ModelCIF file with pLDDT and N, C-alpha, C, O atoms, coordinates in Angstrom:
data_MODEL
#
_entry.id   MODEL 
#
_entity.id                         1 
_entity.type                       polymer 
_entity.pdbx_number_of_molecules   1 
#
_entity_poly.entity_id                      1 
_entity_poly.type                           'polypeptide(L)' 
_entity_poly.nstd_linkage                   no 
_entity_poly.nstd_monomer                   no 
_entity_poly.pdbx_seq_one_letter_code       SYVSVTDADVATKAITAAGGQVFVEPMDIPGSGRMAIFADPAGAAF 
_entity_poly.pdbx_seq_one_letter_code_can   SYVSVTDADVATKAITAAGGQVFVEPMDIPGSGRMAIFADPAGAAF 
_entity_poly.pdbx_strand_id                 A 
#
loop_
_entity_poly_seq.entity_id 
_entity_poly_seq.num 
_entity_poly_seq.mon_id 
_entity_poly_seq.hetero 
1 1  SER n 
1 2  TYR n 
1 3  VAL n 
1 4  SER n 
1 5  VAL n 
1 6  THR n 
1 7  ASP n 
1 8  ALA n 
1 9  ASP n 
1 10 VAL n 
1 11 ALA n 
1 12 THR n 
1 13 LYS n 
1 14 ALA n 
1 15 ILE n 
1 16 THR n 
1 17 ALA n 
1 18 ALA n 
1 19 GLY n 
1 20 GLY n 
1 21 GLN n 
1 22 VAL n 
1 23 PHE n 
1 24 VAL n 
1 25 GLU n 
1 26 PRO n 
1 27 MET n 
1 28 ASP n 
1 29 ILE n 
1 30 PRO n 
1 31 GLY n 
1 32 SER n 
1 33 GLY n 
1 34 ARG n 
1 35 MET n 
1 36 ALA n 
1 37 ILE n 
1 38 PHE n 
1 39 ALA n 
1 40 ASP n 
1 41 PRO n 
1 42 ALA n 
1 43 GLY n 
1 44 ALA n 
1 45 ALA n 
1 46 PHE n 
#
_struct_asym.id          A 
_struct_asym.entity_id   1 
#
loop_
_ma_qa_metric.id 
_ma_qa_metric.mode 
_ma_qa_metric.name 
_ma_qa_metric.software_group_id 
_ma_qa_metric.type 
1 global pLDDT . pLDDT 
2 local  pLDDT . pLDDT 
#
_ma_qa_metric_global.metric_id      1 
_ma_qa_metric_global.metric_value   96.91 
_ma_qa_metric_global.model_id       1 
_ma_qa_metric_global.ordinal_id     1 
#
loop_
_ma_qa_metric_local.label_asym_id 
_ma_qa_metric_local.label_comp_id 
_ma_qa_metric_local.label_seq_id 
_ma_qa_metric_local.metric_id 
_ma_qa_metric_local.metric_value 
_ma_qa_metric_local.model_id 
_ma_qa_metric_local.ordinal_id 
A SER 1  2 98.00 1 1  
A TYR 2  2 98.00 1 2  
A VAL 3  2 98.00 1 3  
A SER 4  2 98.00 1 4  
A VAL 5  2 98.00 1 5  
A THR 6  2 98.00 1 6  
A ASP 7  2 98.00 1 7  
A ALA 8  2 98.00 1 8  
A ASP 9  2 98.00 1 9  
A VAL 10 2 98.00 1 10 
A ALA 11 2 98.00 1 11 
A THR 12 2 98.00 1 12 
A LYS 13 2 98.00 1 13 
A ALA 14 2 98.00 1 14 
A ILE 15 2 98.00 1 15 
A THR 16 2 98.00 1 16 
A ALA 17 2 98.00 1 17 
A ALA 18 2 98.00 1 18 
A GLY 19 2 98.00 1 19 
A GLY 20 2 98.00 1 20 
A GLN 21 2 97.00 1 21 
A VAL 22 2 97.00 1 22 
A PHE 23 2 95.00 1 23 
A VAL 24 2 95.00 1 24 
A GLU 25 2 97.00 1 25 
A PRO 26 2 98.00 1 26 
A MET 27 2 97.00 1 27 
A ASP 28 2 96.00 1 28 
A ILE 29 2 93.00 1 29 
A PRO 30 2 90.00 1 30 
A GLY 31 2 86.00 1 31 
A SER 32 2 95.00 1 32 
A GLY 33 2 97.00 1 33 
A ARG 34 2 98.00 1 34 
A MET 35 2 97.00 1 35 
A ALA 36 2 98.00 1 36 
A ILE 37 2 97.00 1 37 
A PHE 38 2 98.00 1 38 
A ALA 39 2 97.00 1 39 
A ASP 40 2 98.00 1 40 
A PRO 41 2 97.00 1 41 
A ALA 42 2 97.00 1 42 
A GLY 43 2 96.00 1 43 
A ALA 44 2 97.00 1 44 
A ALA 45 2 97.00 1 45 
A PHE 46 2 98.00 1 46 
#
loop_
_atom_site.group_PDB 
_atom_site.id 
_atom_site.type_symbol 
_atom_site.label_atom_id 
_atom_site.label_alt_id 
_atom_site.label_comp_id 
_atom_site.label_asym_id 
_atom_site.label_entity_id 
_atom_site.label_seq_id 
_atom_site.pdbx_PDB_ins_code 
_atom_site.Cartn_x 
_atom_site.Cartn_y 
_atom_site.Cartn_z 
_atom_site.occupancy 
_atom_site.B_iso_or_equiv 
_atom_site.pdbx_formal_charge 
_atom_site.auth_seq_id 
_atom_site.auth_comp_id 
_atom_site.auth_asym_id 
_atom_site.auth_atom_id 
_atom_site.pdbx_PDB_model_num 
ATOM 1   N N  . SER A 1 1  ? -5.963  -2.919  -6.322  1.00 98.00 ? 1  SER A N  1 
ATOM 2   C CA . SER A 1 1  ? -7.190  -3.453  -6.909  1.00 98.00 ? 1  SER A CA 1 
ATOM 3   C C  . SER A 1 1  ? -6.828  -4.466  -7.995  1.00 98.00 ? 1  SER A C  1 
ATOM 4   O O  . SER A 1 1  ? -5.932  -4.223  -8.803  1.00 98.00 ? 1  SER A O  1 
ATOM 5   N N  . TYR A 1 2  ? -7.531  -5.604  -8.011  1.00 98.00 ? 2  TYR A N  1 
ATOM 6   C CA . TYR A 1 2  ? -7.276  -6.666  -8.976  1.00 98.00 ? 2  TYR A CA 1 
ATOM 7   C C  . TYR A 1 2  ? -8.478  -6.838  -9.903  1.00 98.00 ? 2  TYR A C  1 
ATOM 8   O O  . TYR A 1 2  ? -9.629  -6.721  -9.484  1.00 98.00 ? 2  TYR A O  1 
ATOM 9   N N  . VAL A 1 3  ? -8.180  -7.120  -11.174 1.00 98.00 ? 3  VAL A N  1 
ATOM 10  C CA . VAL A 1 3  ? -9.208  -7.356  -12.179 1.00 98.00 ? 3  VAL A CA 1 
ATOM 11  C C  . VAL A 1 3  ? -9.147  -8.811  -12.610 1.00 98.00 ? 3  VAL A C  1 
ATOM 12  O O  . VAL A 1 3  ? -8.068  -9.348  -12.860 1.00 98.00 ? 3  VAL A O  1 
ATOM 13  N N  . SER A 1 4  ? -10.308 -9.445  -12.696 1.00 98.00 ? 4  SER A N  1 
ATOM 14  C CA . SER A 1 4  ? -10.379 -10.845 -13.097 1.00 98.00 ? 4  SER A CA 1 
ATOM 15  C C  . SER A 1 4  ? -9.989  -11.001 -14.572 1.00 98.00 ? 4  SER A C  1 
ATOM 16  O O  . SER A 1 4  ? -10.423 -10.229 -15.427 1.00 98.00 ? 4  SER A O  1 
ATOM 17  N N  . VAL A 1 5  ? -9.164  -12.010 -14.852 1.00 98.00 ? 5  VAL A N  1 
ATOM 18  C CA . VAL A 1 5  ? -8.785  -12.326 -16.230 1.00 98.00 ? 5  VAL A CA 1 
ATOM 19  C C  . VAL A 1 5  ? -8.851  -13.834 -16.420 1.00 98.00 ? 5  VAL A C  1 
ATOM 20  O O  . VAL A 1 5  ? -8.785  -14.595 -15.455 1.00 98.00 ? 5  VAL A O  1 
ATOM 21  N N  . THR A 1 6  ? -8.981  -14.254 -17.656 1.00 98.00 ? 6  THR A N  1 
ATOM 22  C CA . THR A 1 6  ? -9.000  -15.678 -17.978 1.00 98.00 ? 6  THR A CA 1 
ATOM 23  C C  . THR A 1 6  ? -7.611  -16.281 -17.883 1.00 98.00 ? 6  THR A C  1 
ATOM 24  O O  . THR A 1 6  ? -7.446  -17.420 -17.445 1.00 98.00 ? 6  THR A O  1 
ATOM 25  N N  . ASP A 1 7  ? -6.599  -15.502 -18.301 1.00 98.00 ? 7  ASP A N  1 
ATOM 26  C CA . ASP A 1 7  ? -5.230  -15.997 -18.362 1.00 98.00 ? 7  ASP A CA 1 
ATOM 27  C C  . ASP A 1 7  ? -4.289  -14.849 -18.008 1.00 98.00 ? 7  ASP A C  1 
ATOM 28  O O  . ASP A 1 7  ? -4.199  -13.875 -18.755 1.00 98.00 ? 7  ASP A O  1 
ATOM 29  N N  . ALA A 1 8  ? -3.595  -14.947 -16.891 1.00 98.00 ? 8  ALA A N  1 
ATOM 30  C CA . ALA A 1 8  ? -2.721  -13.860 -16.441 1.00 98.00 ? 8  ALA A CA 1 
ATOM 31  C C  . ALA A 1 8  ? -1.553  -13.632 -17.397 1.00 98.00 ? 8  ALA A C  1 
ATOM 32  O O  . ALA A 1 8  ? -1.095  -12.499 -17.547 1.00 98.00 ? 8  ALA A O  1 
ATOM 33  N N  . ASP A 1 9  ? -1.069  -14.681 -18.041 1.00 98.00 ? 9  ASP A N  1 
ATOM 34  C CA . ASP A 1 9  ? 0.043   -14.521 -18.971 1.00 98.00 ? 9  ASP A CA 1 
ATOM 35  C C  . ASP A 1 9  ? -0.394  -13.795 -20.243 1.00 98.00 ? 9  ASP A C  1 
ATOM 36  O O  . ASP A 1 9  ? 0.330   -12.941 -20.754 1.00 98.00 ? 9  ASP A O  1 
ATOM 37  N N  . VAL A 1 10 ? -1.566  -14.132 -20.747 1.00 98.00 ? 10 VAL A N  1 
ATOM 38  C CA . VAL A 1 10 ? -2.102  -13.419 -21.913 1.00 98.00 ? 10 VAL A CA 1 
ATOM 39  C C  . VAL A 1 10 ? -2.369  -11.964 -21.554 1.00 98.00 ? 10 VAL A C  1 
ATOM 40  O O  . VAL A 1 10 ? -2.088  -11.065 -22.347 1.00 98.00 ? 10 VAL A O  1 
ATOM 41  N N  . ALA A 1 11 ? -2.915  -11.727 -20.353 1.00 98.00 ? 11 ALA A N  1 
ATOM 42  C CA . ALA A 1 11 ? -3.173  -10.353 -19.913 1.00 98.00 ? 11 ALA A CA 1 
ATOM 43  C C  . ALA A 1 11 ? -1.873  -9.560  -19.829 1.00 98.00 ? 11 ALA A C  1 
ATOM 44  O O  . ALA A 1 11 ? -1.847  -8.377  -20.167 1.00 98.00 ? 11 ALA A O  1 
ATOM 45  N N  . THR A 1 12 ? -0.795  -10.203 -19.381 1.00 98.00 ? 12 THR A N  1 
ATOM 46  C CA . THR A 1 12 ? 0.495   -9.522  -19.288 1.00 98.00 ? 12 THR A CA 1 
ATOM 47  C C  . THR A 1 12 ? 0.958   -9.039  -20.657 1.00 98.00 ? 12 THR A C  1 
ATOM 48  O O  . THR A 1 12 ? 1.458   -7.921  -20.786 1.00 98.00 ? 12 THR A O  1 
ATOM 49  N N  . LYS A 1 13 ? 0.797   -9.864  -21.666 1.00 98.00 ? 13 LYS A N  1 
ATOM 50  C CA . LYS A 1 13 ? 1.186   -9.470  -23.023 1.00 98.00 ? 13 LYS A CA 1 
ATOM 51  C C  . LYS A 1 13 ? 0.346   -8.283  -23.503 1.00 98.00 ? 13 LYS A C  1 
ATOM 52  O O  . LYS A 1 13 ? 0.870   -7.363  -24.131 1.00 98.00 ? 13 LYS A O  1 
ATOM 53  N N  . ALA A 1 14 ? -0.963  -8.307  -23.206 1.00 98.00 ? 14 ALA A N  1 
ATOM 54  C CA . ALA A 1 14 ? -1.837  -7.213  -23.622 1.00 98.00 ? 14 ALA A CA 1 
ATOM 55  C C  . ALA A 1 14 ? -1.476  -5.921  -22.900 1.00 98.00 ? 14 ALA A C  1 
ATOM 56  O O  . ALA A 1 14 ? -1.493  -4.843  -23.494 1.00 98.00 ? 14 ALA A O  1 
ATOM 57  N N  . ILE A 1 15 ? -1.153  -6.036  -21.627 1.00 98.00 ? 15 ILE A N  1 
ATOM 58  C CA . ILE A 1 15 ? -0.833  -4.851  -20.826 1.00 98.00 ? 15 ILE A CA 1 
ATOM 59  C C  . ILE A 1 15 ? 0.476   -4.224  -21.281 1.00 98.00 ? 15 ILE A C  1 
ATOM 60  O O  . ILE A 1 15 ? 0.556   -3.004  -21.422 1.00 98.00 ? 15 ILE A O  1 
ATOM 61  N N  . THR A 1 16 ? 1.496   -5.031  -21.512 1.00 98.00 ? 16 THR A N  1 
ATOM 62  C CA . THR A 1 16 ? 2.768   -4.469  -21.969 1.00 98.00 ? 16 THR A CA 1 
ATOM 63  C C  . THR A 1 16 ? 2.650   -3.914  -23.382 1.00 98.00 ? 16 THR A C  1 
ATOM 64  O O  . THR A 1 16 ? 3.285   -2.911  -23.707 1.00 98.00 ? 16 THR A O  1 
ATOM 65  N N  . ALA A 1 17 ? 1.840   -4.558  -24.228 1.00 98.00 ? 17 ALA A N  1 
ATOM 66  C CA . ALA A 1 17 ? 1.637   -4.050  -25.586 1.00 98.00 ? 17 ALA A CA 1 
ATOM 67  C C  . ALA A 1 17 ? 0.936   -2.699  -25.576 1.00 98.00 ? 17 ALA A C  1 
ATOM 68  O O  . ALA A 1 17 ? 1.141   -1.885  -26.477 1.00 98.00 ? 17 ALA A O  1 
ATOM 69  N N  . ALA A 1 18 ? 0.109   -2.457  -24.562 1.00 98.00 ? 18 ALA A N  1 
ATOM 70  C CA . ALA A 1 18 ? -0.622  -1.190  -24.460 1.00 98.00 ? 18 ALA A CA 1 
ATOM 71  C C  . ALA A 1 18 ? 0.177   -0.117  -23.729 1.00 98.00 ? 18 ALA A C  1 
ATOM 72  O O  . ALA A 1 18 ? -0.317  0.994   -23.537 1.00 98.00 ? 18 ALA A O  1 
ATOM 73  N N  . GLY A 1 19 ? 1.398   -0.431  -23.321 1.00 98.00 ? 19 GLY A N  1 
ATOM 74  C CA . GLY A 1 19 ? 2.245   0.567   -22.667 1.00 98.00 ? 19 GLY A CA 1 
ATOM 75  C C  . GLY A 1 19 ? 2.365   0.427   -21.174 1.00 98.00 ? 19 GLY A C  1 
ATOM 76  O O  . GLY A 1 19 ? 2.949   1.294   -20.524 1.00 98.00 ? 19 GLY A O  1 
ATOM 77  N N  . GLY A 1 20 ? 1.820   -0.657  -20.595 1.00 98.00 ? 20 GLY A N  1 
ATOM 78  C CA . GLY A 1 20 ? 1.920   -0.879  -19.158 1.00 98.00 ? 20 GLY A CA 1 
ATOM 79  C C  . GLY A 1 20 ? 3.270   -1.471  -18.772 1.00 98.00 ? 20 GLY A C  1 
ATOM 80  O O  . GLY A 1 20 ? 4.028   -1.939  -19.622 1.00 98.00 ? 20 GLY A O  1 
ATOM 81  N N  . GLN A 1 21 ? 3.549   -1.439  -17.487 1.00 97.00 ? 21 GLN A N  1 
ATOM 82  C CA . GLN A 1 21 ? 4.811   -1.941  -16.947 1.00 97.00 ? 21 GLN A CA 1 
ATOM 83  C C  . GLN A 1 21 ? 4.534   -3.081  -15.977 1.00 97.00 ? 21 GLN A C  1 
ATOM 84  O O  . GLN A 1 21 ? 3.594   -3.011  -15.186 1.00 97.00 ? 21 GLN A O  1 
ATOM 85  N N  . VAL A 1 22 ? 5.348   -4.128  -16.033 1.00 97.00 ? 22 VAL A N  1 
ATOM 86  C CA . VAL A 1 22 ? 5.191   -5.265  -15.137 1.00 97.00 ? 22 VAL A CA 1 
ATOM 87  C C  . VAL A 1 22 ? 5.926   -4.996  -13.831 1.00 97.00 ? 22 VAL A C  1 
ATOM 88  O O  . VAL A 1 22 ? 7.134   -4.758  -13.839 1.00 97.00 ? 22 VAL A O  1 
ATOM 89  N N  . PHE A 1 23 ? 5.223   -5.030  -12.726 1.00 95.00 ? 23 PHE A N  1 
ATOM 90  C CA . PHE A 1 23 ? 5.834   -4.937  -11.403 1.00 95.00 ? 23 PHE A CA 1 
ATOM 91  C C  . PHE A 1 23 ? 6.117   -6.329  -10.835 1.00 95.00 ? 23 PHE A C  1 
ATOM 92  O O  . PHE A 1 23 ? 7.201   -6.586  -10.312 1.00 95.00 ? 23 PHE A O  1 
ATOM 93  N N  . VAL A 1 24 ? 5.129   -7.223  -10.944 1.00 95.00 ? 24 VAL A N  1 
ATOM 94  C CA . VAL A 1 24 ? 5.276   -8.605  -10.489 1.00 95.00 ? 24 VAL A CA 1 
ATOM 95  C C  . VAL A 1 24 ? 4.816   -9.514  -11.614 1.00 95.00 ? 24 VAL A C  1 
ATOM 96  O O  . VAL A 1 24 ? 3.657   -9.468  -12.025 1.00 95.00 ? 24 VAL A O  1 
ATOM 97  N N  . GLU A 1 25 ? 5.728   -10.340 -12.112 1.00 97.00 ? 25 GLU A N  1 
ATOM 98  C CA . GLU A 1 25 ? 5.396   -11.274 -13.196 1.00 97.00 ? 25 GLU A CA 1 
ATOM 99  C C  . GLU A 1 25 ? 4.322   -12.256 -12.733 1.00 97.00 ? 25 GLU A C  1 
ATOM 100 O O  . GLU A 1 25 ? 4.186   -12.515 -11.537 1.00 97.00 ? 25 GLU A O  1 
ATOM 101 N N  . PRO A 1 26 ? 3.552   -12.806 -13.688 1.00 98.00 ? 26 PRO A N  1 
ATOM 102 C CA . PRO A 1 26 ? 2.535   -13.796 -13.297 1.00 98.00 ? 26 PRO A CA 1 
ATOM 103 C C  . PRO A 1 26 ? 3.131   -14.905 -12.439 1.00 98.00 ? 26 PRO A C  1 
ATOM 104 O O  . PRO A 1 26 ? 4.169   -15.480 -12.768 1.00 98.00 ? 26 PRO A O  1 
ATOM 105 N N  . MET A 1 27 ? 2.452   -15.192 -11.336 1.00 97.00 ? 27 MET A N  1 
ATOM 106 C CA . MET A 1 27 ? 2.930   -16.213 -10.407 1.00 97.00 ? 27 MET A CA 1 
ATOM 107 C C  . MET A 1 27 ? 1.750   -16.966 -9.817  1.00 97.00 ? 27 MET A C  1 
ATOM 108 O O  . MET A 1 27 ? 0.670   -16.408 -9.622  1.00 97.00 ? 27 MET A O  1 
ATOM 109 N N  . ASP A 1 28 ? 1.975   -18.229 -9.538  1.00 96.00 ? 28 ASP A N  1 
ATOM 110 C CA . ASP A 1 28 ? 0.929   -19.059 -8.950  1.00 96.00 ? 28 ASP A CA 1 
ATOM 111 C C  . ASP A 1 28 ? 0.826   -18.815 -7.450  1.00 96.00 ? 28 ASP A C  1 
ATOM 112 O O  . ASP A 1 28 ? 1.836   -18.681 -6.758  1.00 96.00 ? 28 ASP A O  1 
ATOM 113 N N  . ILE A 1 29 ? -0.390  -18.759 -6.968  1.00 93.00 ? 29 ILE A N  1 
ATOM 114 C CA . ILE A 1 29 ? -0.680  -18.754 -5.539  1.00 93.00 ? 29 ILE A CA 1 
ATOM 115 C C  . ILE A 1 29 ? -1.263  -20.129 -5.238  1.00 93.00 ? 29 ILE A C  1 
ATOM 116 O O  . ILE A 1 29 ? -2.406  -20.402 -5.606  1.00 93.00 ? 29 ILE A O  1 
ATOM 117 N N  . PRO A 1 30 ? -0.509  -20.998 -4.582  1.00 90.00 ? 30 PRO A N  1 
ATOM 118 C CA . PRO A 1 30 ? -0.920  -22.395 -4.424  1.00 90.00 ? 30 PRO A CA 1 
ATOM 119 C C  . PRO A 1 30 ? -2.344  -22.547 -3.895  1.00 90.00 ? 30 PRO A C  1 
ATOM 120 O O  . PRO A 1 30 ? -2.722  -21.967 -2.878  1.00 90.00 ? 30 PRO A O  1 
ATOM 121 N N  . GLY A 1 31 ? -3.109  -23.341 -4.618  1.00 86.00 ? 31 GLY A N  1 
ATOM 122 C CA . GLY A 1 31 ? -4.466  -23.632 -4.203  1.00 86.00 ? 31 GLY A CA 1 
ATOM 123 C C  . GLY A 1 31 ? -5.457  -22.510 -4.399  1.00 86.00 ? 31 GLY A C  1 
ATOM 124 O O  . GLY A 1 31 ? -6.615  -22.630 -4.001  1.00 86.00 ? 31 GLY A O  1 
ATOM 125 N N  . SER A 1 32 ? -5.018  -21.406 -5.013  1.00 95.00 ? 32 SER A N  1 
ATOM 126 C CA . SER A 1 32 ? -5.903  -20.243 -5.126  1.00 95.00 ? 32 SER A CA 1 
ATOM 127 C C  . SER A 1 32 ? -6.077  -19.757 -6.560  1.00 95.00 ? 32 SER A C  1 
ATOM 128 O O  . SER A 1 32 ? -7.205  -19.619 -7.034  1.00 95.00 ? 32 SER A O  1 
ATOM 129 N N  . GLY A 1 33 ? -4.965  -19.497 -7.256  1.00 97.00 ? 33 GLY A N  1 
ATOM 130 C CA . GLY A 1 33 ? -5.050  -18.953 -8.600  1.00 97.00 ? 33 GLY A CA 1 
ATOM 131 C C  . GLY A 1 33 ? -3.705  -18.428 -9.063  1.00 97.00 ? 33 GLY A C  1 
ATOM 132 O O  . GLY A 1 33 ? -2.660  -18.907 -8.623  1.00 97.00 ? 33 GLY A O  1 
ATOM 133 N N  . ARG A 1 34 ? -3.728  -17.455 -9.940  1.00 98.00 ? 34 ARG A N  1 
ATOM 134 C CA . ARG A 1 34 ? -2.509  -16.911 -10.525 1.00 98.00 ? 34 ARG A CA 1 
ATOM 135 C C  . ARG A 1 34 ? -2.667  -15.399 -10.612 1.00 98.00 ? 34 ARG A C  1 
ATOM 136 O O  . ARG A 1 34 ? -3.713  -14.910 -11.038 1.00 98.00 ? 34 ARG A O  1 
ATOM 137 N N  . MET A 1 35 ? -1.641  -14.654 -10.213 1.00 97.00 ? 35 MET A N  1 
ATOM 138 C CA . MET A 1 35 ? -1.748  -13.205 -10.148 1.00 97.00 ? 35 MET A CA 1 
ATOM 139 C C  . MET A 1 35 ? -0.532  -12.535 -10.762 1.00 97.00 ? 35 MET A C  1 
ATOM 140 O O  . MET A 1 35 ? 0.503   -13.162 -10.985 1.00 97.00 ? 35 MET A O  1 
ATOM 141 N N  . ALA A 1 36 ? -0.685  -11.243 -11.031 1.00 98.00 ? 36 ALA A N  1 
ATOM 142 C CA . ALA A 1 36 ? 0.417   -10.395 -11.480 1.00 98.00 ? 36 ALA A CA 1 
ATOM 143 C C  . ALA A 1 36 ? 0.051   -8.957  -11.139 1.00 98.00 ? 36 ALA A C  1 
ATOM 144 O O  . ALA A 1 36 ? -1.124  -8.629  -10.976 1.00 98.00 ? 36 ALA A O  1 
ATOM 145 N N  . ILE A 1 37 ? 1.059   -8.106  -11.032 1.00 97.00 ? 37 ILE A N  1 
ATOM 146 C CA . ILE A 1 37 ? 0.835   -6.693  -10.707 1.00 97.00 ? 37 ILE A CA 1 
ATOM 147 C C  . ILE A 1 37 ? 1.557   -5.833  -11.727 1.00 97.00 ? 37 ILE A C  1 
ATOM 148 O O  . ILE A 1 37 ? 2.671   -6.144  -12.148 1.00 97.00 ? 37 ILE A O  1 
ATOM 149 N N  . PHE A 1 38 ? 0.906   -4.747  -12.119 1.00 98.00 ? 38 PHE A N  1 
ATOM 150 C CA . PHE A 1 38 ? 1.400   -3.880  -13.175 1.00 98.00 ? 38 PHE A CA 1 
ATOM 151 C C  . PHE A 1 38 ? 1.237   -2.410  -12.791 1.00 98.00 ? 38 PHE A C  1 
ATOM 152 O O  . PHE A 1 38 ? 0.681   -2.082  -11.742 1.00 98.00 ? 38 PHE A O  1 
ATOM 153 N N  . ALA A 1 39 ? 1.729   -1.545  -13.655 1.00 97.00 ? 39 ALA A N  1 
ATOM 154 C CA . ALA A 1 39 ? 1.415   -0.124  -13.616 1.00 97.00 ? 39 ALA A CA 1 
ATOM 155 C C  . ALA A 1 39 ? 0.920   0.271   -14.993 1.00 97.00 ? 39 ALA A C  1 
ATOM 156 O O  . ALA A 1 39 ? 1.448   -0.186  -16.006 1.00 97.00 ? 39 ALA A O  1 
ATOM 157 N N  . ASP A 1 40 ? -0.091  1.119   -15.029 1.00 98.00 ? 40 ASP A N  1 
ATOM 158 C CA . ASP A 1 40 ? -0.543  1.635   -16.321 1.00 98.00 ? 40 ASP A CA 1 
ATOM 159 C C  . ASP A 1 40 ? 0.477   2.652   -16.837 1.00 98.00 ? 40 ASP A C  1 
ATOM 160 O O  . ASP A 1 40 ? 1.430   2.959   -16.121 1.00 98.00 ? 40 ASP A O  1 
ATOM 161 N N  . PRO A 1 41 ? 0.315   3.186   -18.050 1.00 97.00 ? 41 PRO A N  1 
ATOM 162 C CA . PRO A 1 41 ? 1.342   4.079   -18.597 1.00 97.00 ? 41 PRO A CA 1 
ATOM 163 C C  . PRO A 1 41 ? 1.638   5.312   -17.750 1.00 97.00 ? 41 PRO A C  1 
ATOM 164 O O  . PRO A 1 41 ? 2.727   5.877   -17.853 1.00 97.00 ? 41 PRO A O  1 
ATOM 165 N N  . ALA A 1 42 ? 0.684   5.744   -16.906 1.00 97.00 ? 42 ALA A N  1 
ATOM 166 C CA . ALA A 1 42 ? 0.924   6.903   -16.037 1.00 97.00 ? 42 ALA A CA 1 
ATOM 167 C C  . ALA A 1 42 ? 1.521   6.508   -14.695 1.00 97.00 ? 42 ALA A C  1 
ATOM 168 O O  . ALA A 1 42 ? 1.909   7.376   -13.914 1.00 97.00 ? 42 ALA A O  1 
ATOM 169 N N  . GLY A 1 43 ? 1.602   5.200   -14.412 1.00 96.00 ? 43 GLY A N  1 
ATOM 170 C CA . GLY A 1 43 ? 2.221   4.741   -13.178 1.00 96.00 ? 43 GLY A CA 1 
ATOM 171 C C  . GLY A 1 43 ? 1.282   4.220   -12.117 1.00 96.00 ? 43 GLY A C  1 
ATOM 172 O O  . GLY A 1 43 ? 1.748   3.817   -11.051 1.00 96.00 ? 43 GLY A O  1 
ATOM 173 N N  . ALA A 1 44 ? -0.040  4.206   -12.357 1.00 97.00 ? 44 ALA A N  1 
ATOM 174 C CA . ALA A 1 44 ? -0.989  3.695   -11.357 1.00 97.00 ? 44 ALA A CA 1 
ATOM 175 C C  . ALA A 1 44 ? -0.921  2.171   -11.314 1.00 97.00 ? 44 ALA A C  1 
ATOM 176 O O  . ALA A 1 44 ? -1.067  1.508   -12.341 1.00 97.00 ? 44 ALA A O  1 
ATOM 177 N N  . ALA A 1 45 ? -0.699  1.620   -10.121 1.00 97.00 ? 45 ALA A N  1 
ATOM 178 C CA . ALA A 1 45 ? -0.542  0.178   -9.964  1.00 97.00 ? 45 ALA A CA 1 
ATOM 179 C C  . ALA A 1 45 ? -1.897  -0.521  -9.856  1.00 97.00 ? 45 ALA A C  1 
ATOM 180 O O  . ALA A 1 45 ? -2.842  0.007   -9.270  1.00 97.00 ? 45 ALA A O  1 
ATOM 181 N N  . PHE A 1 46 ? -1.966  -1.718  -10.434 1.00 98.00 ? 46 PHE A N  1 
ATOM 182 C CA . PHE A 1 46 ? -3.152  -2.562  -10.327 1.00 98.00 ? 46 PHE A CA 1 
ATOM 183 C C  . PHE A 1 46 ? -2.716  -4.004  -10.545 1.00 98.00 ? 46 PHE A C  1 
ATOM 184 O O  . PHE A 1 46 ? -3.545  -4.913  -10.502 1.00 98.00 ? 46 PHE A O  1 
#
């Protein structure tokens, strides 16, 4: 499941600061947008 954000890089900083883990660093999807994948502190991926 993906959540809309204004800036994936800013969201990454907020997620790691809150105890989340980065699975996939922010990356561009050509012609579509920018995405990243994480796990919350308990390990649930989003």
